[in-house]
């Protein structure tokens, strides 16, 4: 059941659905199983552009250079939202504070026989 479908009229149906879902999760926990992950639904290039904040030509260029994860079936490109989010996260730049901390740590790890020239 979709959250957008819930209204006052179908509230009892929604509650019944939630009770069934909780019961299923409880039975899986008792059996030591984990619930199945949600299905990954591919998205088109328009949605991919919105997620990563790039124009279509830029996305096509990133795909052509094999920098952006995608799938191609025929002439159509497909993307998965979780892969696009991971691509964004991999591009994270370190803060000045993080860079300073790394520099200080590397200075303190310098071998004792090392001299400045």
Protein backbone atom coordinates (compact mmCIF):
# COMPACT_ATOMS: atom_id res chain seq x y z
CA UNK A 1 0.00 0.00 0.00
CA UNK A 2 1.31 3.41 -0.97
CA UNK A 3 1.41 6.22 1.60
CA UNK A 4 -0.30 8.47 -0.96
CA UNK A 5 -3.34 6.18 -0.97
CA UNK A 6 -4.09 6.61 2.73
CA UNK A 7 -7.18 8.68 3.43
CA UNK A 8 -9.70 8.72 6.24
CA UNK A 9 -11.97 6.34 4.32
CA UNK A 10 -9.33 3.67 3.79
CA UNK A 11 -7.60 4.12 7.16
CA UNK A 12 -8.85 0.75 8.50
CA UNK A 13 -7.46 -0.97 5.40
CA UNK A 14 -4.12 0.79 5.89
CA UNK A 15 -3.94 -0.24 9.55
CA UNK A 16 -4.74 -3.84 8.63
CA UNK A 17 -1.97 -3.75 6.03
CA UNK A 18 0.52 -2.45 8.63
CA UNK A 19 -0.53 -5.15 11.12
CA UNK A 20 0.13 -7.80 8.46
CA UNK A 21 3.52 -6.29 7.66
CA UNK A 22 4.54 -6.23 11.34
CA UNK A 23 3.43 -9.84 11.77
CA UNK A 24 5.53 -10.87 8.78
CA UNK A 25 8.59 -9.05 10.14
CA UNK A 26 8.10 -10.67 13.55
CA UNK A 27 7.97 -14.14 12.01
CA UNK A 28 11.14 -13.45 10.02
CA UNK A 29 12.94 -12.24 13.15
CA UNK A 30 11.87 -15.34 15.06
CA UNK A 31 13.22 -17.54 12.27
CA UNK A 32 16.47 -15.55 12.21
CA UNK A 33 15.88 -14.32 8.68
CA UNK A 34 16.15 -10.82 7.38
CA UNK A 35 13.42 -9.30 5.24
CA UNK A 36 14.04 -9.05 1.52
CA UNK A 37 15.49 -5.74 0.40
CA UNK A 38 13.11 -3.49 -1.51
CA UNK A 39 13.12 -3.90 -5.27
CA UNK A 40 15.40 -1.56 -7.12
CA UNK A 41 13.52 0.23 -9.84
CA UNK A 42 15.56 1.73 -12.67
CA UNK A 43 15.07 5.38 -13.50
CA UNK A 44 15.51 7.29 -16.75
CA UNK A 45 17.94 10.03 -17.62
CA UNK A 46 15.55 12.85 -16.64
CA UNK A 47 15.30 11.55 -13.07
CA UNK A 48 19.06 10.89 -12.98
CA UNK A 49 19.67 14.52 -14.00
CA UNK A 50 17.47 15.73 -11.16
CA UNK A 51 19.19 13.49 -8.59
CA UNK A 52 22.76 14.50 -9.44
CA UNK A 53 21.91 18.08 -10.42
CA UNK A 54 23.44 17.95 -13.89
CA UNK A 55 22.10 18.76 -17.35
CA UNK A 56 21.40 15.99 -19.87
CA UNK A 57 24.46 16.72 -22.03
CA UNK A 58 26.66 16.54 -18.93
CA UNK A 59 25.14 13.20 -17.91
CA UNK A 60 25.64 11.83 -21.43
CA UNK A 61 29.29 12.98 -21.32
CA UNK A 62 29.83 11.34 -17.90
CA UNK A 63 28.30 8.10 -19.21
CA UNK A 64 30.41 8.21 -22.38
CA UNK A 65 33.56 8.65 -20.26
CA UNK A 66 32.34 5.79 -18.03
CA UNK A 67 32.42 8.01 -14.94
CA UNK A 68 28.74 7.62 -14.06
CA UNK A 69 27.21 4.18 -13.29
CA UNK A 70 24.48 3.30 -15.77
CA UNK A 71 22.89 0.50 -17.75
CA UNK A 72 22.03 0.52 -21.42
CA UNK A 73 19.39 -1.53 -23.17
CA UNK A 74 19.16 -0.64 -26.82
CA UNK A 75 19.37 3.14 -27.09
CA UNK A 76 17.92 3.85 -23.64
CA UNK A 77 19.99 4.55 -20.52
CA UNK A 78 18.90 3.37 -17.08
CA UNK A 79 20.19 4.33 -13.66
CA UNK A 80 19.63 3.22 -10.07
CA UNK A 81 19.16 5.93 -7.45
CA UNK A 82 21.35 4.22 -4.84
CA UNK A 83 24.25 3.98 -7.30
CA UNK A 84 23.89 7.66 -8.21
CA UNK A 85 23.90 8.62 -4.53
CA UNK A 86 27.04 6.50 -3.97
CA UNK A 87 28.66 8.23 -6.97
CA UNK A 88 27.92 11.61 -5.38
CA UNK A 89 29.29 10.46 -2.01
CA UNK A 90 32.52 9.20 -3.60
CA UNK A 91 33.21 12.73 -4.83
CA UNK A 92 33.28 14.18 -1.31
CA UNK A 93 36.04 16.71 -0.76
CA UNK A 94 37.83 16.82 2.60
CA UNK A 95 37.40 19.87 4.79
CA UNK A 96 40.32 22.11 5.75
CA UNK A 97 40.06 20.70 9.28
CA UNK A 98 40.33 17.10 8.00
CA UNK A 99 43.28 17.97 5.77
CA UNK A 100 45.05 19.72 8.64
CA UNK A 101 44.49 16.74 10.94
CA UNK A 102 45.90 14.36 8.31
CA UNK A 103 48.93 16.58 7.79
CA UNK A 104 49.60 16.78 11.52
CA UNK A 105 49.24 13.00 11.86
CA UNK A 106 51.71 12.38 9.02
CA UNK A 107 54.22 14.82 10.55
CA UNK A 108 54.05 12.98 13.88
CA UNK A 109 54.57 9.61 12.16
CA UNK A 110 57.80 10.75 10.48
CA UNK A 111 60.75 8.36 11.17
CA UNK A 112 63.11 9.54 13.93
CA UNK A 113 66.16 9.46 11.63
CA UNK A 114 64.52 11.84 9.14
CA UNK A 115 66.11 15.28 8.96
CA UNK A 116 64.88 18.49 7.40
CA UNK A 117 67.07 19.80 4.59
